[in-house]
Each structure stands twice: as C-alpha cells, then as structure tokens.
Amino acid sequence: MYTIDYLSHTADIRLQLRADSREELFRAGFEAMNQIIRPDACRKPCPCLINQTIELNSVDNTTLLIDFLSDVLTLAHEHKAVFCELNFQEIGASHLRASIGGRPANGFEEDIKAVTYHEANVHQNAEGQWETFLIFDI
C-alpha cells in the first residue's frame, strides 16, 4: 500500500511518497511518473508490446530510486512509450532487477526532463513506513 501526495513547487513537479515497503515506494514513484507523462494511459490492461529489463547497483536506497526512475524515463523517451507493468525480481538497499512492460504512446502530456536528487531521501519514518520526496524537472 502506498500514497502519492502532489505538493506545490514553483517550476517543477514535487511529490511525497509513502509506502509500507521499499518495493511499494519504488512502485509508487514508477506509477506517479507514468501519471505525469501520460495520465490514465495505464488505466486499461496493458497490451505490453515493449518489454525491458532494468538491473542497477547504486550506493543507497535514494540513489537506487533516482537511477531506476531515470532509466524508466530514458526508456520511455527512447521507445516513445509509457510503461505500465512493473515486476521486481530483486530489490534491496543498493541493487534491483526489474522487468517493465509498456505500449507506444502518441506523445507525452508532460515532458519530464529529469528525476532530480533535490529533497530525495529514501528512509523509514518512526512508524516504519518508507518515504521520500521526489522532484521531476519539467
């Protein structure tokens, strides 16, 4: 279970993500980014014509999340697609392997230029929930 809160920001898109697990936090970021790129594109079941595998090693949870979302964003631009399916084969504090599936998109509603490190800090709060802020440069 996770929540995505859209917060005000002068020029970019700022979110706060909260989730019961690391995996769900990453899933929240993935789904939030898709909603920004192409709202409601993933509402219907995905005839996934484009399938990719992402495998990453990073120094910590925060870097891993930013690297993961950046890779998904790059693949979305390369394939002119929105990725609606996400399956993690492995996910830890500094490593993940996931498969993503998507479909061609006829343009993006919002052009995200980058997933930034500004304010990002993946951690567990006092209640044991995973949380972070995310800022997308548009």
Protein backbone atom coordinates (compact mmCIF):
# COMPACT_ATOMS: atom_id res chain seq x y z
CA MET A 1 0.00 0.00 0.00
CA TYR A 2 1.27 3.45 -0.83
CA THR A 3 0.25 7.11 -1.09
CA ILE A 4 1.34 9.80 -3.50
CA ASP A 5 0.85 13.43 -2.46
CA TYR A 6 1.31 16.17 -5.03
CA LEU A 7 2.87 19.22 -3.40
CA SER A 8 3.34 22.77 -4.64
CA HIS A 9 6.55 23.76 -6.39
CA THR A 10 7.37 26.93 -8.31
CA ALA A 11 8.57 25.36 -11.55
CA ASP A 12 8.75 21.58 -11.28
CA ILE A 13 6.56 18.72 -10.04
CA ARG A 14 7.08 17.81 -6.37
CA LEU A 15 5.70 14.67 -4.73
CA GLN A 16 5.84 12.99 -1.36
CA LEU A 17 5.70 9.20 -1.49
CA ARG A 18 4.88 6.92 1.45
CA ALA A 19 4.69 3.13 1.37
CA ASP A 20 4.66 0.04 3.56
CA SER A 21 7.77 -1.40 1.87
CA ARG A 22 10.75 -0.37 -0.23
CA GLU A 23 9.26 -2.19 -3.22
CA GLU A 24 5.95 -0.34 -2.87
CA LEU A 25 7.78 3.00 -2.59
CA PHE A 26 9.57 2.31 -5.89
CA ARG A 27 6.26 1.23 -7.43
CA ALA A 28 4.65 4.50 -6.26
CA GLY A 29 7.40 6.52 -7.95
CA PHE A 30 7.01 4.47 -11.14
CA GLU A 31 3.24 4.93 -11.24
CA ALA A 32 3.41 8.63 -10.32
CA MET A 33 5.86 9.31 -13.13
CA ASN A 34 3.61 7.46 -15.61
CA GLN A 35 0.61 9.52 -14.50
CA ILE A 36 2.56 12.71 -15.13
CA ILE A 37 3.88 11.60 -18.53
CA ARG A 38 0.59 10.28 -19.86
CA PRO A 39 -2.37 10.49 -17.44
CA ASP A 40 -4.67 7.45 -17.46
CA ALA A 41 -2.56 5.61 -20.06
CA CYS A 42 -2.18 2.69 -17.67
CA ARG A 43 -5.80 2.54 -16.55
CA LYS A 44 -6.64 -0.24 -19.01
CA PRO A 45 -4.80 -3.59 -19.01
CA CYS A 46 -1.56 -3.24 -20.90
CA PRO A 47 -1.01 -4.99 -24.20
CA CYS A 48 2.71 -4.74 -23.50
CA LEU A 49 4.41 -4.56 -26.87
CA ILE A 50 7.63 -3.14 -25.42
CA ASN A 51 9.40 -5.13 -22.70
CA GLN A 52 12.64 -4.16 -20.99
CA THR A 53 14.76 -5.35 -18.09
CA ILE A 54 16.45 -2.93 -15.72
CA GLU A 55 19.29 -4.04 -13.46
CA LEU A 56 21.03 -1.49 -11.26
CA ASN A 57 23.59 -1.25 -8.49
CA SER A 58 23.73 2.00 -6.53
CA VAL A 59 25.27 3.24 -3.30
CA ASP A 60 22.00 3.50 -1.34
CA ASN A 61 18.18 3.44 -1.49
CA THR A 62 17.87 7.07 -2.59
CA THR A 63 20.34 6.75 -5.44
CA LEU A 64 18.75 3.45 -6.46
CA LEU A 65 15.29 5.03 -6.70
CA ILE A 66 16.51 8.03 -8.70
CA ASP A 67 18.59 5.79 -11.00
CA PHE A 68 15.63 3.44 -11.50
CA LEU A 69 13.17 6.19 -12.38
CA SER A 70 15.76 7.86 -14.62
CA ASP A 71 16.24 4.59 -16.52
CA VAL A 72 12.47 4.18 -16.95
CA LEU A 73 12.24 7.79 -18.17
CA THR A 74 15.08 7.24 -20.66
CA LEU A 75 13.41 4.08 -21.98
CA ALA A 76 10.09 5.92 -22.29
CA HIS A 77 11.76 8.58 -24.44
CA GLU A 78 13.79 6.07 -26.49
CA HIS A 79 10.78 3.90 -27.28
CA LYS A 80 8.16 6.69 -27.30
CA ALA A 81 6.23 4.56 -24.84
CA VAL A 82 4.58 4.55 -21.47
CA PHE A 83 5.46 1.63 -19.21
CA CYS A 84 2.50 0.31 -17.24
CA GLU A 85 3.72 -3.01 -15.87
CA LEU A 86 6.45 -3.43 -13.29
CA ASN A 87 7.71 -6.68 -11.80
CA PHE A 88 10.62 -6.76 -9.39
CA GLN A 89 12.75 -9.89 -9.44
CA GLU A 90 15.12 -8.46 -6.81
CA ILE A 91 15.15 -5.29 -4.75
CA GLY A 92 17.44 -4.34 -1.89
CA ALA A 93 19.16 -1.29 -0.43
CA SER A 94 21.60 -0.96 -3.32
CA HIS A 95 20.51 -3.39 -6.05
CA LEU A 96 17.42 -4.09 -8.12
CA ARG A 97 16.39 -6.12 -11.10
CA ALA A 98 13.01 -5.48 -12.63
CA SER A 99 11.10 -6.04 -15.82
CA ILE A 100 8.85 -3.35 -17.23
CA GLY A 101 6.26 -3.59 -19.96
CA GLY A 102 4.68 -0.82 -21.95
CA ARG A 103 2.91 0.35 -25.03
CA PRO A 104 3.61 3.02 -27.63
CA ALA A 105 2.42 6.50 -26.68
CA ASN A 106 1.42 9.15 -29.15
CA GLY A 107 3.30 11.91 -27.34
CA PHE A 108 3.51 12.81 -23.67
CA GLU A 109 1.21 15.17 -21.77
CA GLU A 110 4.11 16.44 -19.68
CA ASP A 111 7.73 16.24 -20.73
CA ILE A 112 9.80 15.26 -17.71
CA LYS A 113 13.39 16.26 -18.38
CA ALA A 114 14.92 14.60 -15.31
CA VAL A 115 14.31 12.94 -11.97
CA THR A 116 16.27 15.09 -9.52
CA TYR A 117 18.12 14.30 -6.31
CA HIS A 118 16.87 17.54 -4.73
CA GLU A 119 14.97 16.66 -1.49
CA ALA A 120 15.14 12.92 -2.24
CA ASN A 121 15.91 10.90 0.88
CA VAL A 122 14.51 7.36 0.94
CA HIS A 123 14.14 6.25 4.56
CA GLN A 124 11.83 4.59 7.05
CA ASN A 125 9.99 7.00 9.34
CA ALA A 126 9.17 6.48 13.02
CA GLU A 127 6.05 4.48 12.08
CA GLY A 128 8.11 2.12 9.90
CA GLN A 129 6.78 3.47 6.61
CA TRP A 130 9.14 4.12 3.72
CA GLU A 131 9.05 7.69 2.43
CA THR A 132 10.76 10.27 0.26
CA PHE A 133 10.17 13.45 -1.67
CA LEU A 134 10.61 13.41 -5.44
CA ILE A 135 11.04 16.37 -7.76
CA PHE A 136 10.65 15.98 -11.50
CA ASP A 137 12.32 18.64 -13.63
CA ILE A 138 9.88 19.73 -16.35
